[in-house]
């Protein structure tokens, strides 16, 4: 029977590099897959109550039970805030969930996903099929490679760039630096929007503040939003949005999904606007004026 260092007595417990003193734990029914890829430890297990779970370097990336809240928000916040998103780039996102959400937008003409670790794509297609179905859409192109290099080779090419990364340790560390945000800016068209995974306001305010401040040196419009994702640290995940056009209100969706289509389970126009409303402690911690 396969084993894993993070699983003991039938329970998985996270490796807690960025949130000391706490750890999400899920009951394991069966280990489905484990390998050491070229970049990280890749684990998939079937849980008793949360469906299949993808874990990278000991940290939960997605569970079938609640993945939709994160995938919908990181995709639809920037896409709905853009006037006409035609060409989209996803960096990371090897589970395919963001792709699944992007292709719901009829305006989108092409989506390119650049994922550095082919193992994430491969195991997600096998064990997370509802998320990975985005890979099979005709508008999608997949590139296994370095997001930095791809940005350098594609200047002024995209309306929206979404960075769906793991936490800033290991292979994702460089995706939180000022140089990466500068590269993304160069790859945007006029009026383009960047949306990146923005960590947890309960745990990482100094890191979030640092990224926001460096982003404001590059982009005239920068905002922070958040969503509830129960199996992420503190049940909370943030998003950093940047636009290269001054005066844009990223909290205002410019389109809506027709209600009869029931396209989303978490995202709505009302949730979009509310996601940018920050608690008092967050505003203070980020150095934002009180409202």
C-alpha atoms as a PDB file:
ATOM      1  CA  UNK A   1       0.000   0.000   0.000  1.00  0.00           C
ATOM      2  CA  UNK A   2       1.458   3.419  -0.953  1.00  0.00           C
ATOM      3  CA  UNK A   3       2.434   5.823   1.832  1.00  0.00           C
ATOM      4  CA  UNK A   4       3.318   9.500   2.183  1.00  0.00           C
ATOM      5  CA  UNK A   5       5.126  11.468   4.879  1.00  0.00           C
ATOM      6  CA  UNK A   6       2.170  13.853   5.303  1.00  0.00           C
ATOM      7  CA  UNK A   7      -0.298  11.021   5.928  1.00  0.00           C
ATOM      8  CA  UNK A   8      -0.447   9.368   9.344  1.00  0.00           C
ATOM      9  CA  UNK A   9      -3.165   7.239  10.930  1.00  0.00           C
ATOM     10  CA  UNK A  10      -5.447   7.838   7.952  1.00  0.00           C
ATOM     11  CA  UNK A  11      -5.198  11.642   8.030  1.00  0.00           C
ATOM     12  CA  UNK A  12      -3.339  14.027   5.721  1.00  0.00           C
ATOM     13  CA  UNK A  13      -1.792  17.055   7.418  1.00  0.00           C
ATOM     14  CA  UNK A  14      -0.306  19.959   5.476  1.00  0.00           C
ATOM     15  CA  UNK A  15       3.299  21.051   5.561  1.00  0.00           C
ATOM     16  CA  UNK A  16       3.025  24.531   7.077  1.00  0.00           C
ATOM     17  CA  UNK A  17       5.833  26.622   5.639  1.00  0.00           C
ATOM     18  CA  UNK A  18       3.850  29.870   5.369  1.00  0.00           C
ATOM     19  CA  UNK A  19       1.291  29.476   8.146  1.00  0.00           C
ATOM     20  CA  UNK A  20       3.149  28.334  11.302  1.00  0.00           C
ATOM     21  CA  UNK A  21       1.084  27.015  14.165  1.00  0.00           C
ATOM     22  CA  UNK A  22      -1.804  25.698  12.084  1.00  0.00           C
ATOM     23  CA  UNK A  23      -2.365  23.035   9.443  1.00  0.00           C
ATOM     24  CA  UNK A  24      -5.349  21.826   7.423  1.00  0.00           C
ATOM     25  CA  UNK A  25      -6.009  18.129   7.937  1.00  0.00           C
ATOM     26  CA  UNK A  26      -8.245  15.887   5.806  1.00  0.00           C
ATOM     27  CA  UNK A  27      -9.207  12.267   6.329  1.00  0.00           C
ATOM     28  CA  UNK A  28      -7.778  10.000   3.645  1.00  0.00           C
ATOM     29  CA  UNK A  29      -9.695   7.147   2.076  1.00  0.00           C
ATOM     30  CA  UNK A  30      -7.029   6.140  -0.456  1.00  0.00           C
ATOM     31  CA  UNK A  31      -3.756   7.407  -1.919  1.00  0.00           C
ATOM     32  CA  UNK A  32      -4.327   7.586  -5.665  1.00  0.00           C
ATOM     33  CA  UNK A  33      -0.953   8.854  -6.905  1.00  0.00           C
ATOM     34  CA  UNK A  34       2.426  10.007  -5.628  1.00  0.00           C
ATOM     35  CA  UNK A  35       5.553  11.045  -7.488  1.00  0.00           C
ATOM     36  CA  UNK A  36       8.532  13.353  -7.285  1.00  0.00           C
ATOM     37  CA  UNK A  37       8.391  15.443 -10.433  1.00  0.00           C
ATOM     38  CA  UNK A  38      11.298  17.503 -11.732  1.00  0.00           C
ATOM     39  CA  UNK A  39      10.049  20.411  -9.618  1.00  0.00           C
ATOM     40  CA  UNK A  40       8.004  19.210  -6.631  1.00  0.00           C
ATOM     41  CA  UNK A  41       6.320  16.458  -4.655  1.00  0.00           C
ATOM     42  CA  UNK A  42       2.988  15.594  -6.307  1.00  0.00           C
ATOM     43  CA  UNK A  43       0.325  13.752  -4.305  1.00  0.00           C
ATOM     44  CA  UNK A  44      -3.301  12.930  -5.099  1.00  0.00           C
ATOM     45  CA  UNK A  45      -5.538  11.201  -2.585  1.00  0.00           C
ATOM     46  CA  UNK A  46      -9.213  10.392  -2.297  1.00  0.00           C
ATOM     47  CA  UNK A  47     -10.602  11.957   0.860  1.00  0.00           C
ATOM     48  CA  UNK A  48     -13.580  10.752   2.851  1.00  0.00           C
ATOM     49  CA  UNK A  49     -15.574  13.985   2.514  1.00  0.00           C
ATOM     50  CA  UNK A  50     -13.875  16.352   0.048  1.00  0.00           C
ATOM     51  CA  UNK A  51     -13.454  14.236  -3.072  1.00  0.00           C
ATOM     52  CA  UNK A  52     -10.067  13.887  -4.714  1.00  0.00           C
ATOM     53  CA  UNK A  53      -7.350  16.219  -3.421  1.00  0.00           C
ATOM     54  CA  UNK A  54      -4.271  17.561  -5.246  1.00  0.00           C
ATOM     55  CA  UNK A  55      -1.267  18.324  -3.026  1.00  0.00           C
ATOM     56  CA  UNK A  56       2.026  19.917  -4.110  1.00  0.00           C
ATOM     57  CA  UNK A  57       5.007  19.934  -1.743  1.00  0.00           C
ATOM     58  CA  UNK A  58       2.737  19.069   1.148  1.00  0.00           C
ATOM     59  CA  UNK A  59       0.241  21.886   0.548  1.00  0.00           C
ATOM     60  CA  UNK A  60      -3.361  21.434  -0.648  1.00  0.00           C
ATOM     61  CA  UNK A  61      -3.880  22.963  -4.104  1.00  0.00           C
ATOM     62  CA  UNK A  62      -7.435  21.837  -4.846  1.00  0.00           C
ATOM     63  CA  UNK A  63     -10.190  19.595  -3.560  1.00  0.00           C
ATOM     64  CA  UNK A  64     -13.158  18.542  -5.671  1.00  0.00           C
ATOM     65  CA  UNK A  65     -15.447  19.779  -2.886  1.00  0.00           C
ATOM     66  CA  UNK A  66     -14.580  23.506  -2.932  1.00  0.00           C
ATOM     67  CA  UNK A  67     -12.266  24.176  -5.901  1.00  0.00           C
ATOM     68  CA  UNK A  68     -14.966  26.044  -7.804  1.00  0.00           C
ATOM     69  CA  UNK A  69     -14.881  29.093  -5.528  1.00  0.00           C
ATOM     70  CA  UNK A  70     -11.192  29.765  -6.199  1.00  0.00           C
ATOM     71  CA  UNK A  71     -11.257  28.885  -9.905  1.00  0.00           C
ATOM     72  CA  UNK A  72     -14.313  31.029 -10.614  1.00  0.00           C
ATOM     73  CA  UNK A  73     -13.040  34.086  -8.772  1.00  0.00           C
ATOM     74  CA  UNK A  74      -9.493  34.156 -10.137  1.00  0.00           C
ATOM     75  CA  UNK A  75     -10.903  33.796 -13.663  1.00  0.00           C
ATOM     76  CA  UNK A  76     -14.104  35.847 -13.658  1.00  0.00           C
ATOM     77  CA  UNK A  77     -12.897  38.845 -11.626  1.00  0.00           C
ATOM     78  CA  UNK A  78     -10.446  39.977 -14.347  1.00  0.00           C
ATOM     79  CA  UNK A  79     -12.481  38.730 -17.314  1.00  0.00           C
ATOM     80  CA  UNK A  80     -15.680  40.449 -16.201  1.00  0.00           C
ATOM     81  CA  UNK A  81     -13.785  43.663 -15.417  1.00  0.00           C
ATOM     82  CA  UNK A  82     -12.371  43.774 -18.971  1.00  0.00           C
ATOM     83  CA  UNK A  83     -14.333  45.385 -21.789  1.00  0.00           C
ATOM     84  CA  UNK A  84     -13.644  42.693 -24.381  1.00  0.00           C
ATOM     85  CA  UNK A  85     -11.265  39.888 -23.311  1.00  0.00           C
ATOM     86  CA  UNK A  86     -10.204  38.041 -26.449  1.00  0.00           C
ATOM     87  CA  UNK A  87      -6.691  36.703 -25.855  1.00  0.00           C
ATOM     88  CA  UNK A  88      -5.947  35.205 -22.447  1.00  0.00           C
ATOM     89  CA  UNK A  89      -2.768  33.835 -20.868  1.00  0.00           C
ATOM     90  CA  UNK A  90      -2.728  31.553 -17.832  1.00  0.00           C
ATOM     91  CA  UNK A  91       0.569  30.978 -16.034  1.00  0.00           C
ATOM     92  CA  UNK A  92       0.415  27.934 -13.777  1.00  0.00           C
ATOM     93  CA  UNK A  93      -3.053  26.497 -13.384  1.00  0.00           C
ATOM     94  CA  UNK A  94      -1.954  23.004 -14.374  1.00  0.00           C
ATOM     95  CA  UNK A  95      -5.068  21.453 -12.844  1.00  0.00           C
ATOM     96  CA  UNK A  96      -7.154  23.004 -15.653  1.00  0.00           C
ATOM     97  CA  UNK A  97      -9.769  24.631 -13.422  1.00  0.00           C
ATOM     98  CA  UNK A  98      -9.053  28.179 -14.558  1.00  0.00           C
ATOM     99  CA  UNK A  99      -9.240  27.078 -18.189  1.00  0.00           C
ATOM    100  CA  UNK A 100     -12.650  25.544 -17.520  1.00  0.00           C
ATOM    101  CA  UNK A 101     -13.905  28.920 -16.295  1.00  0.00           C
ATOM    102  CA  UNK A 102     -12.272  31.096 -18.966  1.00  0.00           C
ATOM    103  CA  UNK A 103     -13.836  29.255 -21.887  1.00  0.00           C
ATOM    104  CA  UNK A 104     -17.310  30.031 -20.491  1.00  0.00           C
ATOM    105  CA  UNK A 105     -16.830  33.557 -21.883  1.00  0.00           C
ATOM    106  CA  UNK A 106     -17.992  33.740 -25.515  1.00  0.00           C
ATOM    107  CA  UNK A 107     -15.816  36.828 -26.124  1.00  0.00           C
ATOM    108  CA  UNK A 108     -12.641  34.814 -25.559  1.00  0.00           C
ATOM    109  CA  UNK A 109     -10.964  33.763 -28.806  1.00  0.00           C
ATOM    110  CA  UNK A 110      -7.814  32.039 -27.507  1.00  0.00           C
ATOM    111  CA  UNK A 111      -6.395  30.832 -24.196  1.00  0.00           C
ATOM    112  CA  UNK A 112      -2.782  29.807 -23.682  1.00  0.00           C
ATOM    113  CA  UNK A 113      -1.753  27.980 -20.520  1.00  0.00           C
ATOM    114  CA  UNK A 114       1.938  27.845 -19.586  1.00  0.00           C
ATOM    115  CA  UNK A 115       2.672  25.306 -16.835  1.00  0.00           C
ATOM    116  CA  UNK A 116       6.223  24.467 -15.834  1.00  0.00           C
ATOM    117  CA  UNK A 117       5.438  21.013 -14.407  1.00  0.00           C
ATOM    118  CA  UNK A 118       3.902  18.523 -16.834  1.00  0.00           C
ATOM    119  CA  UNK A 119       3.167  16.174 -13.938  1.00  0.00           C
ATOM    120  CA  UNK A 120       0.493  18.520 -12.594  1.00  0.00           C
ATOM    121  CA  UNK A 121      -1.314  18.494 -15.944  1.00  0.00           C
ATOM    122  CA  UNK A 122      -0.983  14.735 -16.322  1.00  0.00           C
ATOM    123  CA  UNK A 123      -2.280  13.768 -12.882  1.00  0.00           C
ATOM    124  CA  UNK A 124      -5.073  16.357 -12.995  1.00  0.00           C
ATOM    125  CA  UNK A 125      -6.381  14.916 -16.254  1.00  0.00           C
ATOM    126  CA  UNK A 126      -6.436  11.497 -14.619  1.00  0.00           C
ATOM    127  CA  UNK A 127      -7.736  12.284 -11.133  1.00  0.00           C
ATOM    128  CA  UNK A 128      -9.496  15.684 -11.382  1.00  0.00           C
ATOM    129  CA  UNK A 129     -11.468  15.273 -14.614  1.00  0.00           C
ATOM    130  CA  UNK A 130     -14.088  17.960 -13.929  1.00  0.00           C
ATOM    131  CA  UNK A 131     -11.361  20.557 -13.481  1.00  0.00           C
ATOM    132  CA  UNK A 132      -9.178  19.267 -16.287  1.00  0.00           C
ATOM    133  CA  UNK A 133     -11.939  19.305 -18.920  1.00  0.00           C
ATOM    134  CA  UNK A 134     -10.792  22.830 -19.775  1.00  0.00           C
ATOM    135  CA  UNK A 135      -7.709  21.332 -21.431  1.00  0.00           C
ATOM    136  CA  UNK A 136      -9.842  19.808 -24.183  1.00  0.00           C
ATOM    137  CA  UNK A 137     -11.547  22.997 -25.352  1.00  0.00           C
ATOM    138  CA  UNK A 138     -10.634  23.998 -28.942  1.00  0.00           C
ATOM    139  CA  UNK A 139      -9.718  27.551 -27.886  1.00  0.00           C
ATOM    140  CA  UNK A 140      -7.014  26.274 -25.501  1.00  0.00           C
ATOM    141  CA  UNK A 141      -3.297  25.857 -26.226  1.00  0.00           C
ATOM    142  CA  UNK A 142      -1.043  24.265 -23.598  1.00  0.00           C
ATOM    143  CA  UNK A 143       2.673  25.014 -23.295  1.00  0.00           C
ATOM    144  CA  UNK A 144       4.827  23.074 -20.842  1.00  0.00           C
ATOM    145  CA  UNK A 145       7.535  25.548 -20.000  1.00  0.00           C
ATOM    146  CA  UNK A 146       8.732  28.624 -18.133  1.00  0.00           C
ATOM    147  CA  UNK A 147       6.223  31.476 -17.774  1.00  0.00           C
ATOM    148  CA  UNK A 148       9.033  34.049 -17.606  1.00  0.00           C
ATOM    149  CA  UNK A 149      10.387  33.060 -20.992  1.00  0.00           C
ATOM    150  CA  UNK A 150       6.934  32.908 -22.531  1.00  0.00           C
ATOM    151  CA  UNK A 151       6.158  36.460 -21.383  1.00  0.00           C
ATOM    152  CA  UNK A 152       9.443  37.749 -22.809  1.00  0.00           C
ATOM    153  CA  UNK A 153       8.590  36.199 -26.172  1.00  0.00           C
ATOM    154  CA  UNK A 154       5.016  37.562 -26.285  1.00  0.00           C
ATOM    155  CA  UNK A 155       5.028  41.334 -25.773  1.00  0.00           C
ATOM    156  CA  UNK A 156       1.690  43.154 -26.077  1.00  0.00           C
ATOM    157  CA  UNK A 157      -0.198  39.943 -26.838  1.00  0.00           C
ATOM    158  CA  UNK A 158      -2.851  39.490 -24.139  1.00  0.00           C
ATOM    159  CA  UNK A 159      -5.973  41.186 -22.824  1.00  0.00           C
ATOM    160  CA  UNK A 160      -5.879  39.299 -19.520  1.00  0.00           C
ATOM    161  CA  UNK A 161      -3.072  37.417 -17.775  1.00  0.00           C
ATOM    162  CA  UNK A 162      -3.977  35.116 -14.882  1.00  0.00           C
ATOM    163  CA  UNK A 163      -1.268  33.693 -12.656  1.00  0.00           C
ATOM    164  CA  UNK A 164      -2.628  30.661 -10.829  1.00  0.00           C
ATOM    165  CA  UNK A 165       0.393  29.747  -8.748  1.00  0.00           C
ATOM    166  CA  UNK A 166       1.105  27.852  -5.577  1.00  0.00           C
ATOM    167  CA  UNK A 167       2.544  29.733  -2.586  1.00  0.00           C
ATOM    168  CA  UNK A 168       5.822  31.693  -2.900  1.00  0.00           C
ATOM    169  CA  UNK A 169       8.081  28.778  -2.024  1.00  0.00           C
ATOM    170  CA  UNK A 170       9.739  26.356  -4.425  1.00  0.00           C
ATOM    171  CA  UNK A 171       9.063  26.841  -8.156  1.00  0.00           C
ATOM    172  CA  UNK A 172       6.401  29.537  -7.573  1.00  0.00           C
ATOM    173  CA  UNK A 173       8.652  31.893  -5.586  1.00  0.00           C
ATOM    174  CA  UNK A 174       9.670  34.004  -8.589  1.00  0.00           C
ATOM    175  CA  UNK A 175       6.001  34.646  -9.490  1.00  0.00           C
ATOM    176  CA  UNK A 176       5.616  37.066  -6.573  1.00  0.00           C
ATOM    177  CA  UNK A 177       8.531  39.379  -7.473  1.00  0.00           C
ATOM    178  CA  UNK A 178       8.495  42.840  -9.053  1.00  0.00           C
ATOM    179  CA  UNK A 179      10.300  41.566 -12.146  1.00  0.00           C
ATOM    180  CA  UNK A 180       7.487  39.159 -12.931  1.00  0.00           C
ATOM    181  CA  UNK A 181       4.850  41.893 -12.649  1.00  0.00           C
ATOM    182  CA  UNK A 182       6.917  44.084 -14.977  1.00  0.00           C
ATOM    183  CA  UNK A 183       7.076  41.263 -17.541  1.00  0.00           C
ATOM    184  CA  UNK A 184       3.320  40.747 -17.352  1.00  0.00           C
ATOM    185  CA  UNK A 185       2.751  44.456 -17.945  1.00  0.00           C
ATOM    186  CA  UNK A 186       4.820  44.334 -21.130  1.00  0.00           C
ATOM    187  CA  UNK A 187       2.783  41.383 -22.374  1.00  0.00           C
ATOM    188  CA  UNK A 188      -0.573  43.164 -21.932  1.00  0.00           C
ATOM    189  CA  UNK A 189      -2.510  44.990 -24.592  1.00  0.00           C
ATOM    190  CA  UNK A 190      -3.846  48.474 -23.854  1.00  0.00           C
ATOM    191  CA  UNK A 191      -6.495  48.217 -21.141  1.00  0.00           C
ATOM    192  CA  UNK A 192      -5.207  44.799 -20.121  1.00  0.00           C
ATOM    193  CA  UNK A 193      -5.678  43.245 -16.692  1.00  0.00           C
ATOM    194  CA  UNK A 194      -3.483  40.987 -14.588  1.00  0.00           C
ATOM    195  CA  UNK A 195      -4.929  38.791 -11.837  1.00  0.00           C
ATOM    196  CA  UNK A 196      -2.697  36.757  -9.546  1.00  0.00           C
ATOM    197  CA  UNK A 197      -3.137  34.506  -6.545  1.00  0.00           C
ATOM    198  CA  UNK A 198      -2.832  36.947  -3.636  1.00  0.00           C
ATOM    199  CA  UNK A 199      -2.392  34.833  -0.480  1.00  0.00           C
ATOM    200  CA  UNK A 200      -4.411  35.108   2.754  1.00  0.00           C
ATOM    201  CA  UNK A 201      -5.227  38.395   4.482  1.00  0.00           C
ATOM    202  CA  UNK A 202      -5.280  36.637   7.877  1.00  0.00           C
ATOM    203  CA  UNK A 203      -1.728  35.361   7.496  1.00  0.00           C
ATOM    204  CA  UNK A 204       0.248  37.280   4.899  1.00  0.00           C
ATOM    205  CA  UNK A 205      -0.554  41.011   5.105  1.00  0.00           C
ATOM    206  CA  UNK A 206       3.138  42.092   4.987  1.00  0.00           C
ATOM    207  CA  UNK A 207       3.714  40.012   1.816  1.00  0.00           C
ATOM    208  CA  UNK A 208       0.474  41.257   0.237  1.00  0.00           C
ATOM    209  CA  UNK A 209       1.344  44.867   1.084  1.00  0.00           C
ATOM    210  CA  UNK A 210       4.792  44.453  -0.467  1.00  0.00           C
ATOM    211  CA  UNK A 211       3.380  43.064  -3.710  1.00  0.00           C
ATOM    212  CA  UNK A 212       0.678  45.762  -3.888  1.00  0.00           C
ATOM    213  CA  UNK A 213       3.180  48.564  -3.310  1.00  0.00           C
ATOM    214  CA  UNK A 214       5.590  47.279  -5.960  1.00  0.00           C
ATOM    215  CA  UNK A 215       2.656  46.776  -8.361  1.00  0.00           C
ATOM    216  CA  UNK A 216       1.564  50.391  -7.923  1.00  0.00           C
ATOM    217  CA  UNK A 217       4.984  51.496  -9.198  1.00  0.00           C
ATOM    218  CA  UNK A 218       4.191  49.693 -12.461  1.00  0.00           C
ATOM    219  CA  UNK A 219       0.405  49.866 -12.919  1.00  0.00           C
ATOM    220  CA  UNK A 220      -1.891  52.892 -12.564  1.00  0.00           C
ATOM    221  CA  UNK A 221      -4.738  50.732 -11.237  1.00  0.00           C
ATOM    222  CA  UNK A 222      -4.188  48.101  -8.527  1.00  0.00           C
ATOM    223  CA  UNK A 223      -6.770  46.401  -6.289  1.00  0.00           C
ATOM    224  CA  UNK A 224      -7.080  43.533  -3.824  1.00  0.00           C
ATOM    225  CA  UNK A 225     -10.040  41.152  -3.601  1.00  0.00           C
ATOM    226  CA  UNK A 226     -10.751  37.946  -1.709  1.00  0.00           C
ATOM    227  CA  UNK A 227     -12.943  34.858  -1.629  1.00  0.00           C
ATOM    228  CA  UNK A 228     -13.912  32.071   0.737  1.00  0.00           C
ATOM    229  CA  UNK A 229     -12.162  28.758  -0.007  1.00  0.00           C
ATOM    230  CA  UNK A 230     -12.655  26.425   2.985  1.00  0.00           C
ATOM    231  CA  UNK A 231      -9.651  24.130   2.471  1.00  0.00           C
ATOM    232  CA  UNK A 232      -7.142  26.970   1.974  1.00  0.00           C
ATOM    233  CA  UNK A 233      -5.386  28.482   5.026  1.00  0.00           C
ATOM    234  CA  UNK A 234      -7.943  30.267   7.238  1.00  0.00           C
ATOM    235  CA  UNK A 235     -10.566  29.431   4.592  1.00  0.00           C
ATOM    236  CA  UNK A 236      -9.570  32.534   2.674  1.00  0.00           C
ATOM    237  CA  UNK A 237      -7.733  33.415  -0.540  1.00  0.00           C
ATOM    238  CA  UNK A 238      -6.873  36.805  -1.996  1.00  0.00           C
ATOM    239  CA  UNK A 239      -6.384  38.079  -5.537  1.00  0.00           C
ATOM    240  CA  UNK A 240      -4.212  40.958  -6.731  1.00  0.00           C
ATOM    241  CA  UNK A 241      -5.568  42.719  -9.818  1.00  0.00           C
ATOM    242  CA  UNK A 242      -3.633  45.254 -11.890  1.00  0.00           C
ATOM    243  CA  UNK A 243      -4.685  47.217 -14.964  1.00  0.00           C
ATOM    244  CA  UNK A 244      -2.459  49.261 -17.269  1.00  0.00           C
ATOM    245  CA  UNK A 245      -5.220  51.826 -17.801  1.00  0.00           C
ATOM    246  CA  UNK A 246      -5.775  54.630 -15.320  1.00  0.00           C
ATOM    247  CA  UNK A 247      -9.138  55.205 -13.656  1.00  0.00           C
ATOM    248  CA  UNK A 248     -10.514  51.685 -14.097  1.00  0.00           C
ATOM    249  CA  UNK A 249     -12.878  50.371 -11.417  1.00  0.00           C
ATOM    250  CA  UNK A 250     -12.009  46.678 -11.275  1.00  0.00           C
ATOM    251  CA  UNK A 251     -14.747  46.024  -8.723  1.00  0.00           C
ATOM    252  CA  UNK A 252     -17.434  46.733 -11.326  1.00  0.00           C
ATOM    253  CA  UNK A 253     -18.261  43.835 -13.665  1.00  0.00           C
ATOM    254  CA  UNK A 254     -18.919  44.985 -17.227  1.00  0.00           C
ATOM    255  CA  UNK A 255     -20.939  41.907 -18.191  1.00  0.00           C
ATOM    256  CA  UNK A 256     -22.938  39.191 -16.434  1.00  0.00           C
ATOM    257  CA  UNK A 257     -23.656  35.547 -17.128  1.00  0.00           C
ATOM    258  CA  UNK A 258     -27.269  34.956 -18.204  1.00  0.00           C
ATOM    259  CA  UNK A 259     -29.056  33.555 -15.108  1.00  0.00           C
ATOM    260  CA  UNK A 260     -30.679  30.749 -17.076  1.00  0.00           C
ATOM    261  CA  UNK A 261     -27.269  29.329 -17.974  1.00  0.00           C
ATOM    262  CA  UNK A 262     -26.227  28.800 -14.345  1.00  0.00           C
ATOM    263  CA  UNK A 263     -22.622  29.164 -15.445  1.00  0.00           C
ATOM    264  CA  UNK A 264     -21.171  29.583 -11.935  1.00  0.00           C
ATOM    265  CA  UNK A 265     -21.632  28.212  -8.427  1.00  0.00           C
ATOM    266  CA  UNK A 266     -19.822  30.966  -6.491  1.00  0.00           C
ATOM    267  CA  UNK A 267     -19.292  33.989  -8.721  1.00  0.00           C
ATOM    268  CA  UNK A 268     -22.080  36.514  -9.296  1.00  0.00           C
ATOM    269  CA  UNK A 269     -22.023  40.214 -10.153  1.00  0.00           C
ATOM    270  CA  UNK A 270     -22.852  40.980  -6.519  1.00  0.00           C
ATOM    271  CA  UNK A 271     -20.075  38.727  -5.240  1.00  0.00           C
ATOM    272  CA  UNK A 272     -17.676  40.398  -7.700  1.00  0.00           C
ATOM    273  CA  UNK A 273     -18.306  43.842  -6.195  1.00  0.00           C
ATOM    274  CA  UNK A 274     -18.308  42.546  -2.619  1.00  0.00           C
ATOM    275  CA  UNK A 275     -14.960  40.783  -3.059  1.00  0.00           C
ATOM    276  CA  UNK A 276     -13.201  44.160  -3.087  1.00  0.00           C
ATOM    277  CA  UNK A 277     -14.735  45.236   0.241  1.00  0.00           C
ATOM    278  CA  UNK A 278     -11.976  44.669   2.812  1.00  0.00           C
ATOM    279  CA  UNK A 279     -12.218  44.324   6.601  1.00  0.00           C
ATOM    280  CA  UNK A 280     -10.839  47.176   8.697  1.00  0.00           C
ATOM    281  CA  UNK A 281      -7.784  45.194   9.835  1.00  0.00           C
ATOM    282  CA  UNK A 282      -6.916  44.361   6.223  1.00  0.00           C
ATOM    283  CA  UNK A 283      -7.181  47.957   5.069  1.00  0.00           C
ATOM    284  CA  UNK A 284      -4.994  49.059   7.971  1.00  0.00           C
ATOM    285  CA  UNK A 285      -2.456  46.301   7.396  1.00  0.00           C
ATOM    286  CA  UNK A 286      -2.208  47.185   3.699  1.00  0.00           C
ATOM    287  CA  UNK A 287      -1.887  50.904   4.436  1.00  0.00           C
ATOM    288  CA  UNK A 288      -5.165  51.738   2.713  1.00  0.00           C
ATOM    289  CA  UNK A 289      -7.364  54.640   3.888  1.00  0.00           C
ATOM    290  CA  UNK A 290     -10.313  53.663   6.075  1.00  0.00           C
ATOM    291  CA  UNK A 291     -13.795  53.944   4.613  1.00  0.00           C
END
